């Protein structure tokens, strides 16, 4: 029996002795080189604070990371050697590390005046750039914004350097509201404290085993319910 060339099928690559396959996508993060090391900020001055802010109990590994430079230069494999597990925790750390490198901070990341782990917020008036809507006002031609000031608000900040703090707004005459805003005595100011999980991205809650096993788990449950009838 003669076999025509068009009837021949190619040999699958996994059967070839010298075939090379690409690494799984989930493992690519292990070989990614770290980018430039960003400078610490007033709100995030060291590795301990960074790990505390992003949450997921990463602050328990703070003693394993000796410096700010190490935090932003260690590879995934090196983090594993230091005992930072499971892999999803390392991926989470690496993701937040890249966000910080790009200037994508959580709430309070743009704050410049911090003392004893807390930043003070106050309401100030600045000239309105034009007609504004939805902004609390006291004086015609002025508008209110929430700014970060040194503790006690005693130091004067040049008006041209006043920048609104993201994530906060004014309710009523001078009440500062926003996630994690803690009112100070007198109600004319508030503070934002550095604490565990302030920037944490919550994990989704798995239902019926998550996406991969969901159909299997639900089919098994339906079968059990039918047999129980």
N, C-alpha and C. Protein backbone atom coordinates (compact mmCIF):
# COMPACT_ATOMS: atom_id res chain seq x y z
N UNK A 1 0.85 -1.19 0.00
CA UNK A 1 0.00 0.00 0.00
C UNK A 1 0.88 1.24 0.00
N UNK A 2 0.62 2.14 -0.95
CA UNK A 2 1.41 3.37 -1.05
C UNK A 2 0.73 4.49 -0.28
N UNK A 3 1.52 5.24 0.44
CA UNK A 3 1.02 6.38 1.21
C UNK A 3 1.40 7.66 0.49
N UNK A 4 0.43 8.42 0.16
CA UNK A 4 0.68 9.68 -0.54
C UNK A 4 1.21 10.73 0.46
N UNK A 5 2.06 11.63 -0.02
CA UNK A 5 2.63 12.65 0.88
C UNK A 5 1.58 13.47 1.62
N UNK A 6 0.46 13.78 0.93
CA UNK A 6 -0.56 14.60 1.56
C UNK A 6 -1.27 13.87 2.69
N UNK A 7 -1.11 12.53 2.77
CA UNK A 7 -1.74 11.77 3.84
C UNK A 7 -0.89 11.73 5.11
N UNK A 8 0.36 12.15 5.00
CA UNK A 8 1.24 12.15 6.16
C UNK A 8 0.88 13.30 7.09
N UNK A 9 0.83 13.04 8.38
CA UNK A 9 0.52 14.06 9.37
C UNK A 9 1.80 14.50 10.08
N UNK A 10 1.92 15.77 10.40
CA UNK A 10 3.13 16.22 11.10
C UNK A 10 3.20 15.64 12.51
N UNK A 11 4.43 15.40 12.97
CA UNK A 11 4.62 14.86 14.31
C UNK A 11 4.42 15.98 15.33
N UNK A 12 3.59 15.75 16.36
CA UNK A 12 3.40 16.79 17.39
C UNK A 12 4.72 17.22 17.99
N UNK A 13 4.84 18.51 18.26
CA UNK A 13 6.11 19.06 18.76
C UNK A 13 6.54 18.44 20.08
N UNK A 14 5.55 18.04 20.93
CA UNK A 14 5.94 17.50 22.23
C UNK A 14 6.57 16.12 22.13
N UNK A 15 6.45 15.47 20.92
CA UNK A 15 7.07 14.17 20.72
C UNK A 15 8.49 14.29 20.18
N UNK A 16 8.86 15.48 19.73
CA UNK A 16 10.20 15.66 19.20
C UNK A 16 11.20 15.78 20.34
N UNK A 17 12.35 15.11 20.28
CA UNK A 17 13.29 15.09 21.41
C UNK A 17 13.92 16.44 21.72
N UNK A 18 14.04 17.31 20.71
CA UNK A 18 14.73 18.58 20.94
C UNK A 18 13.80 19.77 20.82
N UNK A 19 12.52 19.52 20.98
CA UNK A 19 11.56 20.62 20.87
C UNK A 19 11.68 21.55 22.08
N UNK A 20 11.60 22.81 21.82
CA UNK A 20 11.66 23.80 22.90
C UNK A 20 10.31 24.49 23.01
N UNK A 21 9.80 24.56 24.19
CA UNK A 21 8.51 25.21 24.41
C UNK A 21 8.70 26.47 25.23
N UNK A 22 7.80 27.41 25.03
CA UNK A 22 7.86 28.66 25.79
C UNK A 22 7.40 28.41 27.21
N UNK A 23 7.92 29.14 28.17
CA UNK A 23 7.50 28.96 29.56
C UNK A 23 6.06 29.40 29.75
N UNK A 24 5.33 28.79 30.67
CA UNK A 24 3.95 29.20 30.92
C UNK A 24 3.88 30.68 31.27
N UNK A 25 2.77 31.31 30.89
CA UNK A 25 2.62 32.74 31.13
C UNK A 25 2.69 33.07 32.61
N UNK A 26 2.23 32.15 33.47
CA UNK A 26 2.21 32.40 34.91
C UNK A 26 3.62 32.46 35.49
N UNK A 27 4.62 31.95 34.73
CA UNK A 27 5.99 31.93 35.25
C UNK A 27 6.84 33.09 34.71
N UNK A 28 6.27 33.89 33.78
CA UNK A 28 7.06 34.94 33.17
C UNK A 28 7.53 35.99 34.16
N UNK A 29 6.73 36.23 35.24
CA UNK A 29 7.10 37.26 36.20
C UNK A 29 8.40 36.94 36.92
N UNK A 30 8.80 35.64 36.88
CA UNK A 30 10.02 35.26 37.59
C UNK A 30 11.27 35.75 36.87
N UNK A 31 11.14 36.03 35.55
CA UNK A 31 12.30 36.41 34.76
C UNK A 31 12.31 37.90 34.40
N UNK A 32 11.32 38.65 34.87
CA UNK A 32 11.24 40.06 34.55
C UNK A 32 12.28 40.84 35.36
N UNK A 33 13.05 41.67 34.66
CA UNK A 33 14.06 42.47 35.35
C UNK A 33 13.40 43.68 36.00
N UNK A 34 13.89 44.01 37.18
CA UNK A 34 13.33 45.16 37.89
C UNK A 34 13.73 46.45 37.20
N UNK A 35 12.84 47.44 37.22
CA UNK A 35 13.11 48.73 36.61
C UNK A 35 13.89 49.62 37.56
N UNK A 36 13.96 50.91 37.25
CA UNK A 36 14.69 51.84 38.13
C UNK A 36 14.04 51.93 39.51
N UNK A 37 14.86 52.20 40.49
CA UNK A 37 14.37 52.27 41.87
C UNK A 37 13.80 53.67 42.14
N UNK A 38 12.52 53.77 42.50
CA UNK A 38 11.93 55.08 42.76
C UNK A 38 12.38 55.63 44.11
N UNK A 39 12.26 56.92 44.27
CA UNK A 39 12.63 57.53 45.55
C UNK A 39 11.50 57.34 46.56
N UNK A 40 11.84 57.18 47.83
CA UNK A 40 10.80 57.13 48.86
C UNK A 40 10.01 58.44 48.87
N UNK A 41 8.81 58.42 49.42
CA UNK A 41 8.00 59.62 49.53
C UNK A 41 7.74 59.92 51.01
N UNK A 42 7.27 61.11 51.34
CA UNK A 42 6.98 61.41 52.75
C UNK A 42 5.98 60.44 53.37
N UNK A 43 5.01 59.98 52.59
CA UNK A 43 4.01 59.05 53.12
C UNK A 43 4.52 57.62 53.14
N UNK A 44 5.46 57.30 52.25
CA UNK A 44 6.04 55.95 52.17
C UNK A 44 7.56 56.08 52.23
N UNK A 45 8.11 56.26 53.43
CA UNK A 45 9.54 56.54 53.55
C UNK A 45 10.45 55.31 53.55
N UNK A 46 9.88 54.12 53.77
CA UNK A 46 10.74 52.94 53.88
C UNK A 46 9.96 51.68 53.49
N UNK A 47 10.70 50.56 53.42
CA UNK A 47 10.11 49.28 53.00
C UNK A 47 9.05 48.80 53.97
N UNK A 48 9.28 48.99 55.26
CA UNK A 48 8.31 48.58 56.29
C UNK A 48 6.95 49.25 56.05
N UNK A 49 6.96 50.55 55.80
CA UNK A 49 5.72 51.28 55.57
C UNK A 49 5.04 50.81 54.29
N UNK A 50 5.82 50.58 53.25
CA UNK A 50 5.26 50.12 51.98
C UNK A 50 4.54 48.78 52.16
N UNK A 51 5.18 47.84 52.82
CA UNK A 51 4.58 46.53 53.03
C UNK A 51 3.36 46.62 53.93
N UNK A 52 3.37 47.53 54.88
CA UNK A 52 2.23 47.72 55.77
C UNK A 52 1.04 48.26 54.99
N UNK A 53 1.27 49.23 54.13
CA UNK A 53 0.19 49.86 53.38
C UNK A 53 -0.49 48.90 52.42
N UNK A 54 0.28 48.08 51.71
CA UNK A 54 -0.34 47.23 50.68
C UNK A 54 -1.04 46.01 51.29
N UNK A 55 -0.83 45.74 52.57
CA UNK A 55 -1.61 44.72 53.27
C UNK A 55 -1.27 43.29 52.91
N UNK A 56 -2.29 42.42 53.07
CA UNK A 56 -2.16 40.97 52.86
C UNK A 56 -1.06 40.37 53.72
N UNK A 57 -0.88 40.94 54.91
CA UNK A 57 0.09 40.45 55.90
C UNK A 57 1.53 40.47 55.40
N UNK A 58 1.83 41.30 54.40
CA UNK A 58 3.20 41.38 53.90
C UNK A 58 4.13 42.06 54.90
N UNK A 59 3.57 42.82 55.83
CA UNK A 59 4.42 43.48 56.82
C UNK A 59 5.16 42.48 57.70
N UNK A 60 4.67 41.25 57.78
CA UNK A 60 5.36 40.23 58.58
C UNK A 60 6.70 39.84 57.95
N UNK A 61 6.89 40.18 56.67
CA UNK A 61 8.14 39.85 55.98
C UNK A 61 9.11 41.04 55.94
N UNK A 62 8.78 42.11 56.64
CA UNK A 62 9.59 43.33 56.56
C UNK A 62 11.04 43.09 56.97
N UNK A 63 11.27 42.23 57.96
CA UNK A 63 12.65 41.98 58.42
C UNK A 63 13.48 41.21 57.39
N UNK A 64 12.81 40.59 56.43
CA UNK A 64 13.53 39.83 55.41
C UNK A 64 14.04 40.72 54.28
N UNK A 65 13.50 41.93 54.19
CA UNK A 65 13.90 42.86 53.12
C UNK A 65 14.72 43.97 53.78
N UNK A 66 16.02 43.99 53.57
CA UNK A 66 16.91 44.85 54.35
C UNK A 66 16.83 46.34 54.05
N UNK A 67 16.38 46.72 52.85
CA UNK A 67 16.42 48.14 52.51
C UNK A 67 15.39 48.47 51.44
N UNK A 68 15.24 49.77 51.18
CA UNK A 68 14.34 50.26 50.13
C UNK A 68 14.83 49.78 48.77
N UNK A 69 16.13 49.83 48.53
CA UNK A 69 16.68 49.38 47.25
C UNK A 69 16.41 47.90 47.04
N UNK A 70 16.54 47.12 48.09
CA UNK A 70 16.28 45.68 47.98
C UNK A 70 14.80 45.43 47.64
N UNK A 71 13.92 46.20 48.25
CA UNK A 71 12.49 46.04 47.99
C UNK A 71 12.17 46.17 46.52
N UNK A 72 12.85 47.10 45.83
CA UNK A 72 12.55 47.37 44.43
C UNK A 72 13.51 46.72 43.45
N UNK A 73 14.38 45.86 43.93
CA UNK A 73 15.32 45.19 43.02
C UNK A 73 15.31 43.67 43.13
N UNK A 74 14.79 43.11 44.22
CA UNK A 74 14.76 41.66 44.36
C UNK A 74 13.83 41.03 43.32
N UNK A 75 14.28 39.93 42.72
CA UNK A 75 13.45 39.22 41.75
C UNK A 75 12.47 38.29 42.48
N UNK A 76 11.55 37.73 41.72
CA UNK A 76 10.58 36.82 42.32
C UNK A 76 11.28 35.60 42.91
N UNK A 77 12.31 35.09 42.22
CA UNK A 77 13.04 33.93 42.73
C UNK A 77 13.75 34.27 44.05
N UNK A 78 14.31 35.46 44.12
CA UNK A 78 15.00 35.88 45.35
C UNK A 78 14.01 36.09 46.49
N UNK A 79 12.82 36.63 46.18
CA UNK A 79 11.79 36.78 47.20
C UNK A 79 11.35 35.41 47.73
N UNK A 80 11.31 34.44 46.83
CA UNK A 80 10.95 33.08 47.25
C UNK A 80 12.00 32.52 48.20
N UNK A 81 13.26 32.75 47.89
CA UNK A 81 14.34 32.27 48.76
C UNK A 81 14.26 32.91 50.14
N UNK A 82 13.74 34.12 50.21
CA UNK A 82 13.60 34.80 51.49
C UNK A 82 12.41 34.29 52.29
N UNK A 83 11.59 33.45 51.66
CA UNK A 83 10.46 32.86 52.36
C UNK A 83 9.14 33.59 52.18
N UNK A 84 9.05 34.44 51.14
CA UNK A 84 7.80 35.15 50.88
C UNK A 84 6.94 34.28 49.98
N UNK A 85 5.98 33.61 50.57
CA UNK A 85 5.10 32.66 49.89
C UNK A 85 3.66 32.92 50.34
N UNK A 86 2.66 32.42 49.57
CA UNK A 86 2.71 31.64 48.35
C UNK A 86 3.02 32.52 47.13
N UNK A 87 3.08 31.90 45.93
CA UNK A 87 3.40 32.68 44.72
C UNK A 87 2.47 33.86 44.48
N UNK A 88 1.19 33.73 44.80
CA UNK A 88 0.26 34.84 44.54
C UNK A 88 0.61 36.05 45.41
N UNK A 89 1.21 35.79 46.58
CA UNK A 89 1.64 36.90 47.43
C UNK A 89 2.82 37.63 46.80
N UNK A 90 3.74 36.88 46.21
CA UNK A 90 4.87 37.52 45.52
C UNK A 90 4.38 38.30 44.31
N UNK A 91 3.45 37.73 43.56
CA UNK A 91 2.92 38.44 42.39
C UNK A 91 2.23 39.74 42.81
N UNK A 92 1.52 39.69 43.93
CA UNK A 92 0.84 40.88 44.44
C UNK A 92 1.87 41.96 44.82
N UNK A 93 2.93 41.55 45.49
CA UNK A 93 3.99 42.49 45.87
C UNK A 93 4.65 43.09 44.63
N UNK A 94 4.96 42.25 43.65
CA UNK A 94 5.60 42.75 42.43
C UNK A 94 4.68 43.70 41.67
N UNK A 95 3.37 43.42 41.68
CA UNK A 95 2.42 44.29 40.98
C UNK A 95 2.36 45.66 41.65
N UNK A 96 2.31 45.67 43.00
CA UNK A 96 2.26 46.95 43.70
C UNK A 96 3.58 47.70 43.55
N UNK A 97 4.65 46.95 43.48
CA UNK A 97 5.96 47.57 43.30
C UNK A 97 6.03 48.33 41.98
N UNK A 98 5.49 47.73 40.93
CA UNK A 98 5.49 48.38 39.62
C UNK A 98 4.54 49.57 39.60
N UNK A 99 3.41 49.48 40.30
CA UNK A 99 2.49 50.60 40.36
C UNK A 99 3.14 51.79 41.05
N UNK A 100 3.84 51.53 42.14
CA UNK A 100 4.52 52.60 42.86
C UNK A 100 5.61 53.21 41.98
N UNK A 101 6.29 52.37 41.23
CA UNK A 101 7.36 52.85 40.35
C UNK A 101 6.80 53.83 39.31
N UNK A 102 5.55 53.58 38.89
CA UNK A 102 4.90 54.45 37.89
C UNK A 102 4.17 55.63 38.53
N UNK A 103 4.25 55.76 39.85
CA UNK A 103 3.58 56.87 40.52
C UNK A 103 2.10 56.64 40.75
N UNK A 104 1.66 55.39 40.72
CA UNK A 104 0.26 55.06 40.96
C UNK A 104 0.12 54.65 42.43
N UNK A 105 -0.13 55.64 43.28
CA UNK A 105 -0.21 55.40 44.71
C UNK A 105 -1.65 55.16 45.15
N UNK A 106 -1.78 54.64 46.38
CA UNK A 106 -3.08 54.54 47.01
C UNK A 106 -3.42 55.87 47.66
N UNK A 107 -4.48 55.89 48.44
CA UNK A 107 -4.92 57.13 49.08
C UNK A 107 -3.83 57.67 50.00
N UNK A 108 -3.60 58.97 49.90
CA UNK A 108 -2.55 59.60 50.72
C UNK A 108 -1.17 59.56 50.09
N UNK A 109 -1.03 58.90 48.96
CA UNK A 109 0.28 58.78 48.35
C UNK A 109 0.86 60.11 47.89
N UNK A 110 -0.01 61.11 47.67
CA UNK A 110 0.45 62.42 47.21
C UNK A 110 0.69 63.39 48.37
N UNK A 111 0.60 62.91 49.59
CA UNK A 111 0.76 63.76 50.77
C UNK A 111 2.25 64.05 51.03
N UNK A 112 2.53 65.30 51.42
CA UNK A 112 3.91 65.74 51.60
C UNK A 112 4.31 65.94 53.06
N UNK A 113 3.35 66.16 53.95
CA UNK A 113 3.66 66.45 55.36
C UNK A 113 3.13 65.33 56.24
N UNK A 114 4.04 64.57 56.82
CA UNK A 114 3.67 63.42 57.66
C UNK A 114 4.48 63.48 58.94
N UNK A 115 3.82 63.25 60.06
CA UNK A 115 4.51 63.24 61.35
C UNK A 115 3.96 62.09 62.19
N UNK A 116 4.85 61.25 62.70
CA UNK A 116 4.47 60.11 63.54
C UNK A 116 3.43 59.22 62.87
N UNK A 117 3.59 59.01 61.57
CA UNK A 117 2.70 58.09 60.85
C UNK A 117 1.33 58.64 60.54
N UNK A 118 1.15 59.96 60.64
CA UNK A 118 -0.16 60.55 60.36
C UNK A 118 0.02 61.86 59.59
N UNK A 119 -0.96 62.16 58.74
CA UNK A 119 -0.95 63.40 57.97
C UNK A 119 -2.18 64.22 58.32
N UNK A 120 -1.99 65.51 58.49
CA UNK A 120 -3.10 66.40 58.86
C UNK A 120 -3.70 67.03 57.61
N UNK A 121 -5.03 67.08 57.57
CA UNK A 121 -5.77 67.65 56.45
C UNK A 121 -6.60 68.82 56.94
N UNK A 122 -6.62 69.88 56.16
CA UNK A 122 -7.42 71.05 56.51
C UNK A 122 -8.11 71.61 55.27
N UNK A 123 -9.13 72.41 55.52
CA UNK A 123 -9.87 73.08 54.45
C UNK A 123 -9.34 74.49 54.31
N UNK A 124 -8.99 74.88 53.10
CA UNK A 124 -8.51 76.24 52.84
C UNK A 124 -9.26 76.81 51.64
N UNK A 125 -9.22 78.12 51.56
CA UNK A 125 -9.83 78.82 50.43
C UNK A 125 -8.76 79.28 49.46
N UNK A 126 -9.02 79.09 48.18
CA UNK A 126 -8.12 79.58 47.14
C UNK A 126 -8.96 80.26 46.07
N UNK A 127 -8.37 81.11 45.27
CA UNK A 127 -9.12 81.76 44.20
C UNK A 127 -9.66 80.73 43.21
N UNK A 128 -10.92 80.89 42.85
CA UNK A 128 -11.53 79.99 41.87
C UNK A 128 -11.00 80.33 40.49
N UNK A 129 -10.59 79.34 39.68
CA UNK A 129 -10.06 79.63 38.34
C UNK A 129 -11.13 80.13 37.38
N UNK A 130 -12.37 79.99 37.75
CA UNK A 130 -13.47 80.38 36.88
C UNK A 130 -14.76 79.96 37.54
N UNK A 131 -15.79 79.89 36.78
CA UNK A 131 -17.06 79.47 37.36
C UNK A 131 -16.97 77.99 37.72
N UNK A 132 -17.27 77.67 38.96
CA UNK A 132 -17.21 76.28 39.41
C UNK A 132 -18.57 75.85 39.90
N UNK A 133 -18.80 74.54 39.84
CA UNK A 133 -20.07 73.98 40.29
C UNK A 133 -19.79 72.87 41.28
N UNK A 134 -20.68 72.71 42.24
CA UNK A 134 -20.55 71.62 43.19
C UNK A 134 -19.42 71.82 44.18
N UNK A 135 -18.95 73.04 44.36
CA UNK A 135 -17.85 73.30 45.28
C UNK A 135 -18.32 74.23 46.39
N UNK A 136 -18.03 73.87 47.65
CA UNK A 136 -18.44 74.72 48.75
C UNK A 136 -17.68 76.03 48.70
N UNK A 137 -18.37 77.18 48.90
CA UNK A 137 -17.71 78.47 48.86
C UNK A 137 -18.09 79.30 50.06
N UNK A 138 -17.20 80.19 50.44
CA UNK A 138 -17.48 81.16 51.50
C UNK A 138 -17.43 82.58 50.94
N UNK A 139 -16.38 82.90 50.26
CA UNK A 139 -16.17 84.23 49.71
C UNK A 139 -16.37 84.21 48.20
N UNK A 140 -17.07 85.20 47.64
CA UNK A 140 -17.24 85.24 46.18
C UNK A 140 -15.89 85.19 45.47
N UNK A 141 -15.81 84.37 44.45
CA UNK A 141 -14.56 84.24 43.71
C UNK A 141 -13.56 83.29 44.33
N UNK A 142 -13.93 82.64 45.42
CA UNK A 142 -13.05 81.69 46.09
C UNK A 142 -13.68 80.31 46.10
N UNK A 143 -12.87 79.31 46.31
CA UNK A 143 -13.39 77.95 46.46
C UNK A 143 -12.60 77.24 47.54
N UNK A 144 -13.19 76.19 48.09
CA UNK A 144 -12.56 75.43 49.17
C UNK A 144 -11.95 74.14 48.63
N UNK A 145 -10.81 73.79 49.18
CA UNK A 145 -10.17 72.53 48.85
C UNK A 145 -9.61 71.91 50.12
N UNK A 146 -9.37 70.60 50.07
CA UNK A 146 -8.73 69.89 51.18
C UNK A 146 -7.25 69.77 50.87
N UNK A 147 -6.42 70.26 51.80
CA UNK A 147 -4.98 70.21 51.58
C UNK A 147 -4.30 69.55 52.77
N UNK A 148 -3.08 69.12 52.54
CA UNK A 148 -2.24 68.54 53.59
C UNK A 148 -1.34 69.63 54.14
N UNK A 149 -1.32 69.78 55.46
CA UNK A 149 -0.49 70.81 56.10
C UNK A 149 0.38 70.15 57.16
N UNK A 150 1.45 70.82 57.57
CA UNK A 150 2.26 70.29 58.67
C UNK A 150 1.43 70.14 59.93
N UNK A 151 1.84 69.25 60.82
CA UNK A 151 1.09 68.98 62.05
C UNK A 151 0.81 70.26 62.81
N UNK A 152 -0.45 70.46 63.19
CA UNK A 152 -0.84 71.66 63.91
C UNK A 152 -1.23 72.80 63.01
N UNK A 153 -0.88 72.70 61.72
CA UNK A 153 -1.24 73.73 60.76
C UNK A 153 -0.59 75.07 61.04
N UNK A 154 0.49 75.08 61.81
CA UNK A 154 1.10 76.36 62.21
C UNK A 154 1.92 76.98 61.09
N UNK A 155 2.54 76.14 60.27
CA UNK A 155 3.39 76.66 59.20
C UNK A 155 2.52 77.15 58.03
N UNK A 156 2.86 78.31 57.51
CA UNK A 156 2.12 78.85 56.38
C UNK A 156 2.68 78.27 55.08
N UNK A 157 1.78 77.87 54.20
CA UNK A 157 2.17 77.32 52.91
C UNK A 157 1.78 78.34 51.84
N UNK A 158 2.72 78.72 50.95
CA UNK A 158 2.37 79.66 49.88
C UNK A 158 1.15 79.18 49.10
N UNK A 159 0.24 80.08 48.80
CA UNK A 159 -1.01 79.71 48.15
C UNK A 159 -0.79 78.99 46.83
N UNK A 160 0.27 79.39 46.10
CA UNK A 160 0.52 78.76 44.81
C UNK A 160 0.97 77.31 44.94
N UNK A 161 1.37 76.89 46.17
CA UNK A 161 1.81 75.52 46.38
C UNK A 161 0.73 74.63 47.00
N UNK A 162 -0.46 75.21 47.23
CA UNK A 162 -1.56 74.43 47.79
C UNK A 162 -2.15 73.52 46.71
N UNK A 163 -2.12 72.23 46.95
CA UNK A 163 -2.63 71.26 45.99
C UNK A 163 -3.69 70.39 46.68
N UNK A 164 -4.86 70.21 46.08
CA UNK A 164 -5.89 69.37 46.70
C UNK A 164 -5.39 67.93 46.88
N UNK A 165 -5.74 67.34 48.02
CA UNK A 165 -5.38 65.95 48.28
C UNK A 165 -6.46 65.06 47.67
N UNK A 166 -6.05 64.09 46.88
CA UNK A 166 -6.99 63.21 46.20
C UNK A 166 -7.70 62.29 47.21
N UNK A 167 -8.97 62.04 46.94
CA UNK A 167 -9.72 61.08 47.75
C UNK A 167 -10.52 61.69 48.88
N UNK A 168 -10.50 63.03 49.00
CA UNK A 168 -11.23 63.69 50.07
C UNK A 168 -12.07 64.83 49.50
N UNK A 169 -13.18 65.14 50.19
CA UNK A 169 -14.05 66.23 49.76
C UNK A 169 -14.59 66.94 50.99
N UNK A 170 -15.30 68.03 50.75
CA UNK A 170 -15.83 68.85 51.84
C UNK A 170 -17.34 68.68 51.91
N UNK A 171 -17.83 68.43 53.11
CA UNK A 171 -19.26 68.30 53.34
C UNK A 171 -19.68 69.44 54.27
N UNK A 172 -20.69 70.16 53.87
CA UNK A 172 -21.12 71.28 54.68
C UNK A 172 -20.12 72.42 54.60
N UNK A 173 -19.89 73.08 55.74
CA UNK A 173 -19.00 74.25 55.75
C UNK A 173 -17.53 73.87 55.76
N UNK A 174 -17.14 72.91 56.60
CA UNK A 174 -15.71 72.60 56.72
C UNK A 174 -15.44 71.17 57.15
N UNK A 175 -16.40 70.26 56.96
CA UNK A 175 -16.19 68.87 57.36
C UNK A 175 -15.50 68.10 56.25
N UNK A 176 -14.38 67.49 56.56
CA UNK A 176 -13.62 66.70 55.58
C UNK A 176 -14.11 65.26 55.63
N UNK A 177 -14.54 64.76 54.50
CA UNK A 177 -15.01 63.38 54.43
C UNK A 177 -14.23 62.64 53.36
N UNK A 178 -14.14 61.36 53.54
CA UNK A 178 -13.41 60.50 52.61
C UNK A 178 -13.03 59.22 53.32
N UNK A 179 -12.69 58.21 52.53
CA UNK A 179 -12.32 56.93 53.13
C UNK A 179 -11.09 57.09 54.03
N UNK A 180 -11.20 56.60 55.26
CA UNK A 180 -10.11 56.60 56.25
C UNK A 180 -9.83 57.98 56.85
N UNK A 181 -10.67 59.00 56.56
CA UNK A 181 -10.48 60.31 57.17
C UNK A 181 -10.96 60.27 58.62
N UNK A 182 -10.10 60.68 59.56
CA UNK A 182 -10.43 60.68 60.98
C UNK A 182 -10.56 62.13 61.45
N UNK A 183 -11.77 62.57 61.86
CA UNK A 183 -11.96 63.96 62.28
C UNK A 183 -11.12 64.29 63.51
N UNK A 184 -10.58 65.49 63.53
CA UNK A 184 -9.84 65.98 64.69
C UNK A 184 -10.76 66.82 65.56
N UNK A 185 -10.35 67.05 66.80
CA UNK A 185 -11.16 67.79 67.75
C UNK A 185 -11.47 69.18 67.20
N UNK A 186 -12.74 69.57 67.28
CA UNK A 186 -13.16 70.87 66.77
C UNK A 186 -13.80 70.78 65.41
N UNK A 187 -13.54 69.68 64.68
CA UNK A 187 -14.19 69.45 63.40
C UNK A 187 -13.67 70.28 62.24
N UNK A 188 -12.58 71.03 62.44
CA UNK A 188 -12.08 71.86 61.35
C UNK A 188 -10.91 71.20 60.62
N UNK A 189 -10.56 70.04 61.03
CA UNK A 189 -9.45 69.32 60.40
C UNK A 189 -9.68 67.82 60.54
N UNK A 190 -8.86 67.06 59.83
CA UNK A 190 -8.93 65.60 59.90
C UNK A 190 -7.51 65.07 59.72
N UNK A 191 -7.36 63.79 59.95
CA UNK A 191 -6.05 63.19 59.74
C UNK A 191 -6.18 61.85 59.03
N UNK A 192 -5.10 61.48 58.38
CA UNK A 192 -5.02 60.20 57.70
C UNK A 192 -3.83 59.46 58.28
N UNK A 193 -4.08 58.27 58.85
CA UNK A 193 -3.02 57.51 59.50
C UNK A 193 -2.51 56.39 58.61
N UNK A 194 -1.21 56.16 58.66
CA UNK A 194 -0.62 55.00 57.99
C UNK A 194 -0.97 53.77 58.81
N UNK A 195 -1.63 52.81 58.20
CA UNK A 195 -2.02 51.62 58.94
C UNK A 195 -2.02 50.40 58.02
N UNK A 196 -2.12 49.24 58.62
CA UNK A 196 -2.09 47.98 57.90
C UNK A 196 -3.24 47.92 56.89
N UNK A 197 -2.87 47.64 55.62
CA UNK A 197 -3.87 47.42 54.58
C UNK A 197 -4.56 48.65 54.05
N UNK A 198 -4.00 49.83 54.28
CA UNK A 198 -4.64 51.07 53.79
C UNK A 198 -4.79 51.05 52.27
N UNK A 199 -3.83 50.45 51.58
CA UNK A 199 -3.88 50.37 50.11
C UNK A 199 -4.25 48.97 49.61
N UNK A 200 -4.66 48.11 50.49
CA UNK A 200 -4.84 46.70 50.10
C UNK A 200 -5.91 46.52 49.04
N UNK A 201 -5.61 45.67 48.07
CA UNK A 201 -6.58 45.26 47.05
C UNK A 201 -7.15 43.93 47.51
N UNK A 202 -8.43 43.93 47.83
CA UNK A 202 -9.06 42.74 48.39
C UNK A 202 -9.18 41.64 47.34
N UNK A 203 -8.94 40.43 47.77
CA UNK A 203 -9.12 39.28 46.87
C UNK A 203 -10.60 38.97 46.73
N UNK A 204 -10.99 38.48 45.54
CA UNK A 204 -12.37 38.08 45.32
C UNK A 204 -12.70 36.81 46.11
N UNK A 205 -13.95 36.66 46.46
CA UNK A 205 -14.38 35.50 47.22
C UNK A 205 -14.79 34.38 46.27
N UNK A 206 -14.13 33.23 46.39
CA UNK A 206 -14.43 32.10 45.51
C UNK A 206 -15.75 31.44 45.91
N UNK A 207 -16.58 31.17 44.91
CA UNK A 207 -17.86 30.50 45.12
C UNK A 207 -17.84 29.17 44.39
N UNK A 208 -18.15 28.09 45.12
CA UNK A 208 -18.17 26.74 44.53
C UNK A 208 -16.83 26.38 43.92
N UNK A 209 -15.73 26.73 44.58
CA UNK A 209 -14.42 26.29 44.13
C UNK A 209 -13.74 27.19 43.13
N UNK A 210 -14.32 28.30 42.78
CA UNK A 210 -13.69 29.20 41.82
C UNK A 210 -14.00 28.80 40.39
N UNK A 211 -13.42 29.54 39.44
CA UNK A 211 -13.75 29.36 38.02
C UNK A 211 -13.41 27.97 37.51
N UNK A 212 -12.28 27.42 37.90
CA UNK A 212 -11.81 26.17 37.30
C UNK A 212 -12.64 24.97 37.72
N UNK A 213 -13.12 24.97 38.96
CA UNK A 213 -13.85 23.80 39.45
C UNK A 213 -15.33 24.07 39.64
N UNK A 214 -15.78 25.24 39.24
CA UNK A 214 -17.16 25.63 39.51
C UNK A 214 -18.17 24.69 38.86
N UNK A 215 -17.98 24.41 37.56
CA UNK A 215 -18.93 23.53 36.85
C UNK A 215 -18.93 22.13 37.46
N UNK A 216 -17.75 21.62 37.80
CA UNK A 216 -17.65 20.28 38.38
C UNK A 216 -18.35 20.21 39.74
N UNK A 217 -18.10 21.20 40.58
CA UNK A 217 -18.70 21.22 41.92
C UNK A 217 -20.22 21.33 41.84
N UNK A 218 -20.72 22.19 40.96
CA UNK A 218 -22.16 22.38 40.86
C UNK A 218 -22.85 21.16 40.27
N UNK A 219 -22.21 20.49 39.28
CA UNK A 219 -22.79 19.28 38.70
C UNK A 219 -22.86 18.17 39.74
N UNK A 220 -21.81 18.06 40.56
CA UNK A 220 -21.81 17.05 41.62
C UNK A 220 -22.90 17.33 42.64
N UNK A 221 -23.11 18.59 42.96
CA UNK A 221 -24.15 18.95 43.91
C UNK A 221 -25.54 18.63 43.37
N UNK A 222 -25.77 18.93 42.08
CA UNK A 222 -27.07 18.62 41.48
C UNK A 222 -27.34 17.13 41.50
N UNK A 223 -26.28 16.32 41.23
CA UNK A 223 -26.45 14.87 41.26
C UNK A 223 -26.82 14.37 42.65
N UNK A 224 -26.18 14.94 43.66
CA UNK A 224 -26.49 14.55 45.04
C UNK A 224 -27.92 14.94 45.43
N UNK A 225 -28.35 16.10 44.94
CA UNK A 225 -29.71 16.53 45.24
C UNK A 225 -30.74 15.64 44.58
N UNK A 226 -30.46 15.16 43.35
CA UNK A 226 -31.39 14.26 42.67
C UNK A 226 -31.48 12.92 43.38
N UNK A 227 -30.33 12.41 43.82
CA UNK A 227 -30.33 11.12 44.50
C UNK A 227 -31.04 11.20 45.87
N UNK A 228 -31.01 12.40 46.45
CA UNK A 228 -31.64 12.56 47.76
C UNK A 228 -33.17 12.67 47.69
N UNK A 229 -33.71 12.91 46.49
CA UNK A 229 -35.17 13.06 46.34
C UNK A 229 -35.89 11.73 46.44
